[in-house]
C-alpha atoms as a PDB file:
ATOM      1  CA  MET A   1     108.223  91.080 162.886  1.00  0.00           C
ATOM      2  CA  ALA A   2     106.731  88.131 164.797  1.00  0.00           C
ATOM      3  CA  ARG A   3     108.994  86.431 167.323  1.00  0.00           C
ATOM      4  CA  THR A   4     110.076  82.823 166.943  1.00  0.00           C
ATOM      5  CA  ILE A   5     108.611  80.089 169.141  1.00  0.00           C
ATOM      6  CA  THR A   6     111.990  79.789 170.886  1.00  0.00           C
ATOM      7  CA  GLU A   7     112.036  83.514 171.699  1.00  0.00           C
ATOM      8  CA  ILE A   8     108.491  83.475 173.048  1.00  0.00           C
ATOM      9  CA  LYS A   9     109.117  80.416 175.207  1.00  0.00           C
ATOM     10  CA  LYS A  10     112.251  81.984 176.653  1.00  0.00           C
ATOM     11  CA  SER A  11     110.242  85.034 177.708  1.00  0.00           C
ATOM     12  CA  PHE A  12     107.755  82.692 179.457  1.00  0.00           C
ATOM     13  CA  THR A  13     110.365  80.575 181.230  1.00  0.00           C
ATOM     14  CA  ASP A  14     112.423  83.628 182.229  1.00  0.00           C
ATOM     15  CA  ARG A  15     109.357  85.147 183.908  1.00  0.00           C
ATOM     16  CA  PHE A  16     108.624  81.793 185.556  1.00  0.00           C
ATOM     17  CA  MET A  17     112.131  81.608 187.018  1.00  0.00           C
ATOM     18  CA  GLN A  18     111.983  85.242 188.185  1.00  0.00           C
ATOM     19  CA  ASP A  19     108.745  84.831 190.128  1.00  0.00           C
ATOM     20  CA  PRO A  20     109.682  84.439 193.864  1.00  0.00           C
ATOM     21  CA  ALA A  21     106.436  82.640 194.713  1.00  0.00           C
ATOM     22  CA  LEU A  22     106.974  80.006 191.999  1.00  0.00           C
ATOM     23  CA  VAL A  23     110.652  79.584 192.881  1.00  0.00           C
ATOM     24  CA  GLU A  24     109.714  78.950 196.517  1.00  0.00           C
ATOM     25  CA  ALA A  25     106.740  76.707 195.738  1.00  0.00           C
ATOM     26  CA  TYR A  26     108.725  74.474 193.402  1.00  0.00           C
ATOM     27  CA  GLY A  27     111.986  74.708 195.365  1.00  0.00           C
ATOM     28  CA  LEU A  28     113.829  75.882 192.249  1.00  0.00           C
ATOM     29  CA  ASP A  29     117.499  76.722 191.948  1.00  0.00           C
ATOM     30  CA  GLU A  30     117.666  80.268 190.552  1.00  0.00           C
ATOM     31  CA  ASN A  31     121.122  79.569 189.118  1.00  0.00           C
ATOM     32  CA  GLN A  32     119.730  76.812 186.884  1.00  0.00           C
ATOM     33  CA  THR A  33     117.585  77.239 183.753  1.00  0.00           C
ATOM     34  CA  PHE A  34     113.961  76.215 183.496  1.00  0.00           C
ATOM     35  CA  GLU A  35     114.904  73.456 181.027  1.00  0.00           C
ATOM     36  CA  ASN A  36     117.383  71.972 183.518  1.00  0.00           C
ATOM     37  CA  GLN A  37     114.709  71.647 186.203  1.00  0.00           C
ATOM     38  CA  PHE A  38     111.614  70.578 184.229  1.00  0.00           C
ATOM     39  CA  SER A  39     111.499  67.648 181.824  1.00  0.00           C
ATOM     40  CA  LEU A  40     109.931  67.927 178.367  1.00  0.00           C
ATOM     41  CA  THR A  41     106.931  65.929 179.540  1.00  0.00           C
ATOM     42  CA  ALA A  42     106.402  67.854 182.782  1.00  0.00           C
ATOM     43  CA  PHE A  43     102.939  69.347 183.110  1.00  0.00           C
ATOM     44  CA  GLU A  44     104.384  72.860 183.561  1.00  0.00           C
ATOM     45  CA  ASN A  45     106.499  72.548 180.427  1.00  0.00           C
ATOM     46  CA  VAL A  46     103.623  71.194 178.318  1.00  0.00           C
ATOM     47  CA  LEU A  47     101.275  73.947 179.565  1.00  0.00           C
ATOM     48  CA  ILE A  48     103.818  76.654 178.710  1.00  0.00           C
ATOM     49  CA  ASP A  49     104.266  75.135 175.230  1.00  0.00           C
ATOM     50  CA  VAL A  50     100.513  75.414 174.633  1.00  0.00           C
ATOM     51  CA  PHE A  51     100.479  79.094 175.591  1.00  0.00           C
ATOM     52  CA  VAL A  52     103.645  79.747 173.575  1.00  0.00           C
ATOM     53  CA  PHE A  53     102.054  78.300 170.443  1.00  0.00           C
ATOM     54  CA  LEU A  54      98.936  80.424 170.942  1.00  0.00           C
ATOM     55  CA  PHE A  55     100.996  83.588 171.365  1.00  0.00           C
ATOM     56  CA  TRP A  56     103.145  82.723 168.316  1.00  0.00           C
ATOM     57  CA  THR A  57     100.031  82.170 166.179  1.00  0.00           C
ATOM     58  CA  LEU A  58      98.522  85.491 167.251  1.00  0.00           C
ATOM     59  CA  GLU A  59     101.756  87.387 166.566  1.00  0.00           C
ATOM     60  CA  LYS A  60     102.006  85.802 163.085  1.00  0.00           C
ATOM     61  CA  LEU A  61      98.414  86.787 162.325  1.00  0.00           C
ATOM     62  CA  PHE A  62      98.957  90.373 163.457  1.00  0.00           C
ATOM     63  CA  ASP A  63     102.246  90.557 161.534  1.00  0.00           C
ATOM     64  CA  ASN A  64     100.631  89.310 158.307  1.00  0.00           C
ATOM     65  CA  HIS A  65      97.692  91.664 158.765  1.00  0.00           C
ATOM     66  CA  LYS A  66     100.015  94.643 159.208  1.00  0.00           C
ATOM     67  CA  LYS A  67     101.974  93.653 156.090  1.00  0.00           C
ATOM     68  CA  GLU A  68      98.805  93.290 153.995  1.00  0.00           C
ATOM     69  CA  VAL A  69      97.430  96.643 155.135  1.00  0.00           C
ATOM     70  CA  THR A  70     100.754  98.361 154.431  1.00  0.00           C
ATOM     71  CA  GLU A  71     100.891  96.892 150.909  1.00  0.00           C
ATOM     72  CA  ILE A  72      97.292  97.884 150.168  1.00  0.00           C
ATOM     73  CA  LEU A  73      97.877 101.444 151.356  1.00  0.00           C
ATOM     74  CA  SER A  74     101.085 101.776 149.312  1.00  0.00           C
ATOM     75  CA  VAL A  75      99.219 100.765 146.146  1.00  0.00           C
ATOM     76  CA  LEU A  76      96.033 102.743 146.762  1.00  0.00           C
ATOM     77  CA  LYS A  77      97.682 105.968 147.891  1.00  0.00           C
ATOM     78  CA  PRO A  78      96.867 108.620 145.222  1.00  0.00           C
ATOM     79  CA  HIS A  79      99.322 110.949 143.531  1.00  0.00           C
ATOM     80  CA  THR A  80     102.153 108.403 143.393  1.00  0.00           C
ATOM     81  CA  ALA A  81     103.762 106.680 140.421  1.00  0.00           C
ATOM     82  CA  ARG A  82     102.758 103.320 141.888  1.00  0.00           C
ATOM     83  CA  TRP A  83      99.127 104.423 142.013  1.00  0.00           C
ATOM     84  CA  TYR A  84      99.169 105.354 138.309  1.00  0.00           C
ATOM     85  CA  ARG A  85     100.917 102.086 137.414  1.00  0.00           C
ATOM     86  CA  ASN A  86      98.245 100.104 139.257  1.00  0.00           C
ATOM     87  CA  LYS A  87      95.513 102.061 137.487  1.00  0.00           C
ATOM     88  CA  ALA A  88      97.108 101.314 134.108  1.00  0.00           C
ATOM     89  CA  LEU A  89      97.192  97.588 134.816  1.00  0.00           C
ATOM     90  CA  ILE A  90      93.502  97.416 135.825  1.00  0.00           C
ATOM     91  CA  PHE A  91      92.318  99.281 132.707  1.00  0.00           C
ATOM     92  CA  GLN A  92      89.414  97.408 131.068  1.00  0.00           C
ATOM     93  CA  TYR A  93      89.008  97.846 127.318  1.00  0.00           C
ATOM     94  CA  GLY A  94      85.349  98.257 126.316  1.00  0.00           C
ATOM     95  CA  PHE A  95      84.100  98.889 129.864  1.00  0.00           C
ATOM     96  CA  ASN A  96      82.731 102.137 131.265  1.00  0.00           C
ATOM     97  CA  LEU A  97      83.491 103.772 134.603  1.00  0.00           C
ATOM     98  CA  TYR A  98      80.951 104.559 137.255  1.00  0.00           C
ATOM     99  CA  PRO A  99      80.198 108.294 136.946  1.00  0.00           C
ATOM    100  CA  ASP A 100      82.817 110.543 138.567  1.00  0.00           C
ATOM    101  CA  THR A 101      84.937 107.589 139.777  1.00  0.00           C
ATOM    102  CA  ASP A 102      87.974 105.587 138.713  1.00  0.00           C
ATOM    103  CA  VAL A 103      86.124 102.274 139.201  1.00  0.00           C
ATOM    104  CA  PHE A 104      84.900 100.176 136.260  1.00  0.00           C
ATOM    105  CA  ASN A 105      81.262  99.082 136.099  1.00  0.00           C
ATOM    106  CA  ASN A 106      81.426  95.269 135.918  1.00  0.00           C
ATOM    107  CA  GLU A 107      77.782  94.585 136.662  1.00  0.00           C
ATOM    108  CA  GLY A 108      76.348  91.814 134.469  1.00  0.00           C
ATOM    109  CA  PHE A 109      79.714  90.618 133.139  1.00  0.00           C
ATOM    110  CA  SER A 110      81.410  87.279 133.779  1.00  0.00           C
ATOM    111  CA  GLN A 111      84.817  86.963 135.396  1.00  0.00           C
ATOM    112  CA  GLU A 112      86.192  85.738 132.064  1.00  0.00           C
ATOM    113  CA  GLN A 113      84.901  88.834 130.243  1.00  0.00           C
ATOM    114  CA  ILE A 114      86.336  91.088 132.928  1.00  0.00           C
ATOM    115  CA  GLN A 115      89.725  89.359 132.840  1.00  0.00           C
ATOM    116  CA  ASN A 116      89.914  89.408 129.031  1.00  0.00           C
ATOM    117  CA  SER A 117      89.224  93.148 129.025  1.00  0.00           C
ATOM    118  CA  LYS A 118      92.392  93.839 131.022  1.00  0.00           C
ATOM    119  CA  ILE A 119      94.702  94.226 128.043  1.00  0.00           C
ATOM    120  CA  ILE A 120      97.576  96.062 129.744  1.00  0.00           C
ATOM    121  CA  LYS A 121      99.948  93.344 130.924  1.00  0.00           C
ATOM    122  CA  TYR A 122     102.981  95.526 131.670  1.00  0.00           C
ATOM    123  CA  SER A 123     103.314  99.078 132.920  1.00  0.00           C
ATOM    124  CA  ALA A 124     105.938 101.369 134.390  1.00  0.00           C
ATOM    125  CA  VAL A 125     105.583 104.980 135.516  1.00  0.00           C
ATOM    126  CA  THR A 126     108.411 107.486 135.875  1.00  0.00           C
ATOM    127  CA  GLU A 127     108.748 111.255 136.107  1.00  0.00           C
ATOM    128  CA  ALA A 128     110.202 113.213 133.206  1.00  0.00           C
ATOM    129  CA  THR A 129     113.618 114.654 134.010  1.00  0.00           C
ATOM    130  CA  ASN A 130     113.201 117.982 132.217  1.00  0.00           C
ATOM    131  CA  GLU A 131     109.598 118.924 133.067  1.00  0.00           C
ATOM    132  CA  SER A 132     106.740 118.219 135.455  1.00  0.00           C
ATOM    133  CA  ARG A 133     105.207 115.238 133.653  1.00  0.00           C
ATOM    134  CA  LEU A 134     104.504 111.571 134.282  1.00  0.00           C
ATOM    135  CA  ILE A 135     105.606 109.005 131.699  1.00  0.00           C
ATOM    136  CA  ILE A 136     103.414 105.886 131.583  1.00  0.00           C
ATOM    137  CA  LYS A 137     104.901 103.031 129.555  1.00  0.00           C
ATOM    138  CA  ILE A 138     102.563 100.177 128.659  1.00  0.00           C
ATOM    139  CA  ALA A 139     102.610  96.923 126.708  1.00  0.00           C
ATOM    140  CA  THR A 140     100.447  93.877 126.140  1.00  0.00           C
ATOM    141  CA  GLU A 141     101.233  90.349 124.929  1.00  0.00           C
ATOM    142  CA  ASP A 142     100.724  89.031 121.410  1.00  0.00           C
ATOM    143  CA  SER A 143      99.589  85.515 120.487  1.00  0.00           C
ATOM    144  CA  ASN A 144     103.139  84.224 121.010  1.00  0.00           C
ATOM    145  CA  ALA A 145     103.286  85.675 124.542  1.00  0.00           C
ATOM    146  CA  GLU A 146     105.761  88.305 123.318  1.00  0.00           C
ATOM    147  CA  LEU A 147     105.550  91.904 124.528  1.00  0.00           C
ATOM    148  CA  ALA A 148     103.838  94.206 122.041  1.00  0.00           C
ATOM    149  CA  PRO A 149     102.033  97.581 121.900  1.00  0.00           C
ATOM    150  CA  ILE A 150      98.254  97.741 122.136  1.00  0.00           C
ATOM    151  CA  SER A 151      96.321  98.645 118.975  1.00  0.00           C
ATOM    152  CA  PRO A 152      95.560 102.287 118.000  1.00  0.00           C
ATOM    153  CA  ALA A 153      91.889 101.822 118.933  1.00  0.00           C
ATOM    154  CA  GLN A 154      92.848 100.389 122.321  1.00  0.00           C
ATOM    155  CA  LYS A 155      95.341 103.213 122.838  1.00  0.00           C
ATOM    156  CA  GLU A 156      92.626 105.814 122.139  1.00  0.00           C
ATOM    157  CA  SER A 157      90.416 104.211 124.784  1.00  0.00           C
ATOM    158  CA  PHE A 158      93.300 103.976 127.266  1.00  0.00           C
ATOM    159  CA  ASP A 159      94.166 107.660 126.750  1.00  0.00           C
ATOM    160  CA  ALA A 160      90.563 108.626 127.501  1.00  0.00           C
ATOM    161  CA  TYR A 161      90.659 106.516 130.666  1.00  0.00           C
ATOM    162  CA  ILE A 162      93.884 108.101 131.909  1.00  0.00           C
ATOM    163  CA  ASP A 163      92.558 111.571 131.157  1.00  0.00           C
ATOM    164  CA  GLU A 164      89.461 110.762 133.197  1.00  0.00           C
ATOM    165  CA  ILE A 165      91.249 109.452 136.312  1.00  0.00           C
ATOM    166  CA  ARG A 166      94.379 111.629 136.412  1.00  0.00           C
ATOM    167  CA  ASP A 167      94.770 114.250 139.102  1.00  0.00           C
ATOM    168  CA  ALA A 168      93.958 117.776 138.034  1.00  0.00           C
ATOM    169  CA  GLY A 169      96.965 119.565 136.614  1.00  0.00           C
ATOM    170  CA  VAL A 170      99.059 116.403 136.153  1.00  0.00           C
ATOM    171  CA  LYS A 171     100.565 116.141 132.671  1.00  0.00           C
ATOM    172  CA  ILE A 172     100.882 112.599 131.358  1.00  0.00           C
ATOM    173  CA  THR A 173     102.531 111.056 128.306  1.00  0.00           C
ATOM    174  CA  VAL A 174     101.661 107.463 127.417  1.00  0.00           C
ATOM    175  CA  ILE A 175     104.418 105.432 125.718  1.00  0.00           C
ATOM    176  CA  ASN A 176     102.936 102.587 123.671  1.00  0.00           C
ATOM    177  CA  TYR A 177     105.752 101.854 121.243  1.00  0.00           C
ATOM    178  CA  LEU A 178     107.117  98.918 119.342  1.00  0.00           C
ATOM    179  CA  PRO A 179     110.107  97.403 121.188  1.00  0.00           C
ATOM    180  CA  ASP A 180     113.551  98.953 121.162  1.00  0.00           C
ATOM    181  CA  ILE A 181     115.688  96.921 118.753  1.00  0.00           C
ATOM    182  CA  LEU A 182     118.823  95.445 120.293  1.00  0.00           C
ATOM    183  CA  ARG A 183     121.734  94.658 117.975  1.00  0.00           C
ATOM    184  CA  LEU A 184     124.393  92.360 119.423  1.00  0.00           C
ATOM    185  CA  ASN A 185     127.827  91.579 118.010  1.00  0.00           C
ATOM    186  CA  ILE A 186     129.209  88.581 119.912  1.00  0.00           C
ATOM    187  CA  LYS A 187     132.155  86.196 119.590  1.00  0.00           C
ATOM    188  CA  ILE A 188     131.580  82.837 121.232  1.00  0.00           C
ATOM    189  CA  TYR A 189     134.610  80.707 121.972  1.00  0.00           C
ATOM    190  CA  TYR A 190     132.994  77.292 122.199  1.00  0.00           C
ATOM    191  CA  ASN A 191     133.799  73.733 123.197  1.00  0.00           C
ATOM    192  CA  PRO A 192     133.753  71.640 119.978  1.00  0.00           C
ATOM    193  CA  LEU A 193     132.966  68.539 122.031  1.00  0.00           C
ATOM    194  CA  VAL A 194     129.590  70.098 122.855  1.00  0.00           C
ATOM    195  CA  LEU A 195     128.708  72.558 120.060  1.00  0.00           C
ATOM    196  CA  THR A 196     129.104  72.607 116.290  1.00  0.00           C
ATOM    197  CA  SER A 197     130.670  75.509 114.399  1.00  0.00           C
ATOM    198  CA  SER A 198     127.201  76.988 113.910  1.00  0.00           C
ATOM    199  CA  GLY A 199     126.392  76.922 117.628  1.00  0.00           C
ATOM    200  CA  VAL A 200     124.165  73.836 117.539  1.00  0.00           C
ATOM    201  CA  SER A 201     124.204  71.462 120.507  1.00  0.00           C
ATOM    202  CA  ILE A 202     125.468  68.085 119.361  1.00  0.00           C
ATOM    203  CA  LEU A 203     123.175  66.297 121.809  1.00  0.00           C
ATOM    204  CA  THR A 204     119.931  68.264 121.523  1.00  0.00           C
ATOM    205  CA  GLY A 205     120.109  69.968 118.119  1.00  0.00           C
ATOM    206  CA  LYS A 206     119.197  73.292 119.740  1.00  0.00           C
ATOM    207  CA  LYS A 207     121.165  76.551 119.756  1.00  0.00           C
ATOM    208  CA  PRO A 208     122.005  77.154 123.444  1.00  0.00           C
ATOM    209  CA  VAL A 209     123.475  80.641 122.923  1.00  0.00           C
ATOM    210  CA  GLU A 210     120.388  81.921 121.118  1.00  0.00           C
ATOM    211  CA  ASP A 211     118.129  80.268 123.692  1.00  0.00           C
ATOM    212  CA  ALA A 212     120.127  81.897 126.506  1.00  0.00           C
ATOM    213  CA  LEU A 213     119.799  85.331 124.908  1.00  0.00           C
ATOM    214  CA  LYS A 214     116.047  84.881 124.477  1.00  0.00           C
ATOM    215  CA  ALA A 215     115.731  83.756 128.101  1.00  0.00           C
ATOM    216  CA  PHE A 216     117.768  86.731 129.291  1.00  0.00           C
ATOM    217  CA  MET A 217     115.466  89.161 127.496  1.00  0.00           C
ATOM    218  CA  LYS A 218     112.400  87.514 129.061  1.00  0.00           C
ATOM    219  CA  GLU A 219     113.971  87.775 132.508  1.00  0.00           C
ATOM    220  CA  LEU A 220     114.435  91.531 132.199  1.00  0.00           C
ATOM    221  CA  PRO A 221     111.715  93.382 134.143  1.00  0.00           C
ATOM    222  CA  PHE A 222     109.510  95.729 132.148  1.00  0.00           C
ATOM    223  CA  ASP A 223     111.300  99.072 131.800  1.00  0.00           C
ATOM    224  CA  GLY A 224     114.226  97.390 133.510  1.00  0.00           C
ATOM    225  CA  GLU A 225     117.844  98.261 132.905  1.00  0.00           C
ATOM    226  CA  LEU A 226     119.767  96.145 130.427  1.00  0.00           C
ATOM    227  CA  ILE A 227     123.188  95.606 132.014  1.00  0.00           C
ATOM    228  CA  LEU A 228     125.673  94.234 129.510  1.00  0.00           C
ATOM    229  CA  SER A 229     127.821  92.505 132.127  1.00  0.00           C
ATOM    230  CA  SER A 230     124.763  90.541 133.263  1.00  0.00           C
ATOM    231  CA  LEU A 231     124.132  89.447 129.686  1.00  0.00           C
ATOM    232  CA  VAL A 232     127.717  88.180 129.455  1.00  0.00           C
ATOM    233  CA  ASP A 233     127.265  86.334 132.761  1.00  0.00           C
ATOM    234  CA  LYS A 234     124.213  84.602 131.302  1.00  0.00           C
ATOM    235  CA  LEU A 235     126.201  83.464 128.269  1.00  0.00           C
ATOM    236  CA  GLN A 236     129.074  82.295 130.488  1.00  0.00           C
ATOM    237  CA  GLN A 237     126.703  79.794 132.109  1.00  0.00           C
ATOM    238  CA  THR A 238     125.492  78.449 128.773  1.00  0.00           C
ATOM    239  CA  GLU A 239     126.117  74.902 127.572  1.00  0.00           C
ATOM    240  CA  GLY A 240     129.267  74.622 125.459  1.00  0.00           C
ATOM    241  CA  VAL A 241     130.360  78.239 125.908  1.00  0.00           C
ATOM    242  CA  ASP A 242     133.933  78.667 127.144  1.00  0.00           C
ATOM    243  CA  ILE A 243     134.393  82.404 126.612  1.00  0.00           C
ATOM    244  CA  PRO A 244     131.612  84.830 125.599  1.00  0.00           C
ATOM    245  CA  HIS A 245     132.993  88.082 124.196  1.00  0.00           C
ATOM    246  CA  LEU A 246     130.517  90.909 123.667  1.00  0.00           C
ATOM    247  CA  VAL A 247     132.162  92.966 120.934  1.00  0.00           C
ATOM    248  CA  ASN A 248     129.437  95.591 120.685  1.00  0.00           C
ATOM    249  CA  ALA A 249     125.849  96.292 121.689  1.00  0.00           C
ATOM    250  CA  ALA A 250     123.652  98.982 120.191  1.00  0.00           C
ATOM    251  CA  SER A 251     119.971  99.852 120.226  1.00  0.00           C
ATOM    252  CA  SER A 252     117.448 101.782 118.190  1.00  0.00           C
ATOM    253  CA  TRP A 253     114.045 103.034 119.317  1.00  0.00           C
ATOM    254  CA  ILE A 254     110.897 104.596 117.944  1.00  0.00           C
ATOM    255  CA  ASP A 255     110.899 108.381 117.683  1.00  0.00           C
ATOM    256  CA  SER A 256     108.326 110.612 119.372  1.00  0.00           C
ATOM    257  CA  THR A 257     105.853 110.065 116.514  1.00  0.00           C
ATOM    258  CA  GLY A 258     105.740 106.372 117.409  1.00  0.00           C
ATOM    259  CA  THR A 259     106.297 105.282 113.809  1.00  0.00           C
ATOM    260  CA  THR A 260     109.977 105.471 112.809  1.00  0.00           C
ATOM    261  CA  TYR A 261     113.094 103.895 114.247  1.00  0.00           C
ATOM    262  CA  GLY A 262     116.155 106.092 114.660  1.00  0.00           C
ATOM    263  CA  THR A 263     119.784 105.198 114.028  1.00  0.00           C
ATOM    264  CA  PHE A 264     121.474 102.640 116.243  1.00  0.00           C
ATOM    265  CA  GLU A 265     123.392 104.037 119.193  1.00  0.00           C
ATOM    266  CA  ASN A 266     126.062 102.114 121.070  1.00  0.00           C
ATOM    267  CA  ILE A 267     125.351 100.933 124.609  1.00  0.00           C
ATOM    268  CA  GLY A 268     128.296 101.496 126.913  1.00  0.00           C
ATOM    269  CA  VAL A 269     127.424  99.735 130.152  1.00  0.00           C
ATOM    270  CA  LYS A 270     123.658  99.747 130.564  1.00  0.00           C
ATOM    271  CA  LYS A 271     120.471 101.007 128.953  1.00  0.00           C
ATOM    272  CA  ILE A 272     116.800 101.460 129.875  1.00  0.00           C
ATOM    273  CA  PRO A 273     114.599 100.889 126.798  1.00  0.00           C
ATOM    274  CA  THR A 274     112.554 103.868 125.642  1.00  0.00           C
ATOM    275  CA  SER A 275     109.569 101.619 124.915  1.00  0.00           C
ATOM    276  CA  GLY A 276     110.008  99.685 128.156  1.00  0.00           C
ATOM    277  CA  TYR A 277     111.302  96.518 126.485  1.00  0.00           C
ATOM    278  CA  PHE A 278     113.844  95.214 123.971  1.00  0.00           C
ATOM    279  CA  LYS A 279     113.707  92.824 121.052  1.00  0.00           C
ATOM    280  CA  ILE A 280     116.902  91.292 119.673  1.00  0.00           C
ATOM    281  CA  GLU A 281     117.243  92.231 115.992  1.00  0.00           C
ATOM    282  CA  ASN A 282     118.596  88.831 114.935  1.00  0.00           C
ATOM    283  CA  PHE A 283     121.394  86.394 115.681  1.00  0.00           C
ATOM    284  CA  ASN A 284     123.384  86.998 112.504  1.00  0.00           C
ATOM    285  CA  ASN A 285     126.236  88.742 114.308  1.00  0.00           C
ATOM    286  CA  ILE A 286     127.205  85.817 116.524  1.00  0.00           C
ATOM    287  CA  GLU A 287     130.569  84.351 115.502  1.00  0.00           C
ATOM    288  CA  TYR A 288     131.519  80.912 116.786  1.00  0.00           C
ATOM    289  CA  ILE A 289     135.213  80.175 117.317  1.00  0.00           C
ATOM    290  CA  ALA A 290     136.480  76.755 118.440  1.00  0.00           C
ATOM    291  CA  ASN A 291     138.425  77.021 121.654  1.00  0.00           C
END
């Protein structure tokens, strides 16, 4: 990490005060600091400041360069989950690869065409717990900017791409499912000066609790862990809410065929979505109680 300007200047002035020739030439008192014996406008002080700034700039440049190189290497290093995740995100639908490479041929295409072809907006890669296999979860965005699976035709193309670039012998399963459905049963003890009995803000006409739940779901990272206590904390900070009581939370997800939802299972403390993301079923199970 680059040193601060203060740290660099101290190293300069310490060396200055430790040099016998300079101490003798300037008649310095070795028991006093450099700052006590040279004013801010003294030529020596100004000259040191110039060199200090140059050294600080160089150290910042080297520090940033090292950080950039480290980040590039961590992403480009093959055989890691991060490498596969990066490859999923740069997939281009409708584009071909250069022969025997994992690089797309973008010759003759505009930047807009290239950008529009990158349909995978979210990806997460983990290792299966019961076998040697990588699990790649993917999702795109629909017209409402909501997370959604890619189409069957797009999935077929993506599967062919992954099969082409994967390391020999690596088994991969691609998860491209509809969202896990989250069912919430909540009692909201509300302030009747702020909210109505149906949870509507008296001032704005909006439903702050529903808006807070939607915002919380958007804030969850893709394939991130839903922690129920964090959800309650979000509601606690919501306009007009005195006491949020989460009675029950349960989720249902698509089975291995990718077509049918299973039965709802209760969530105890936390849950990682099978599809990589959740969608709240509805807000019908929110009960408002005047506090």
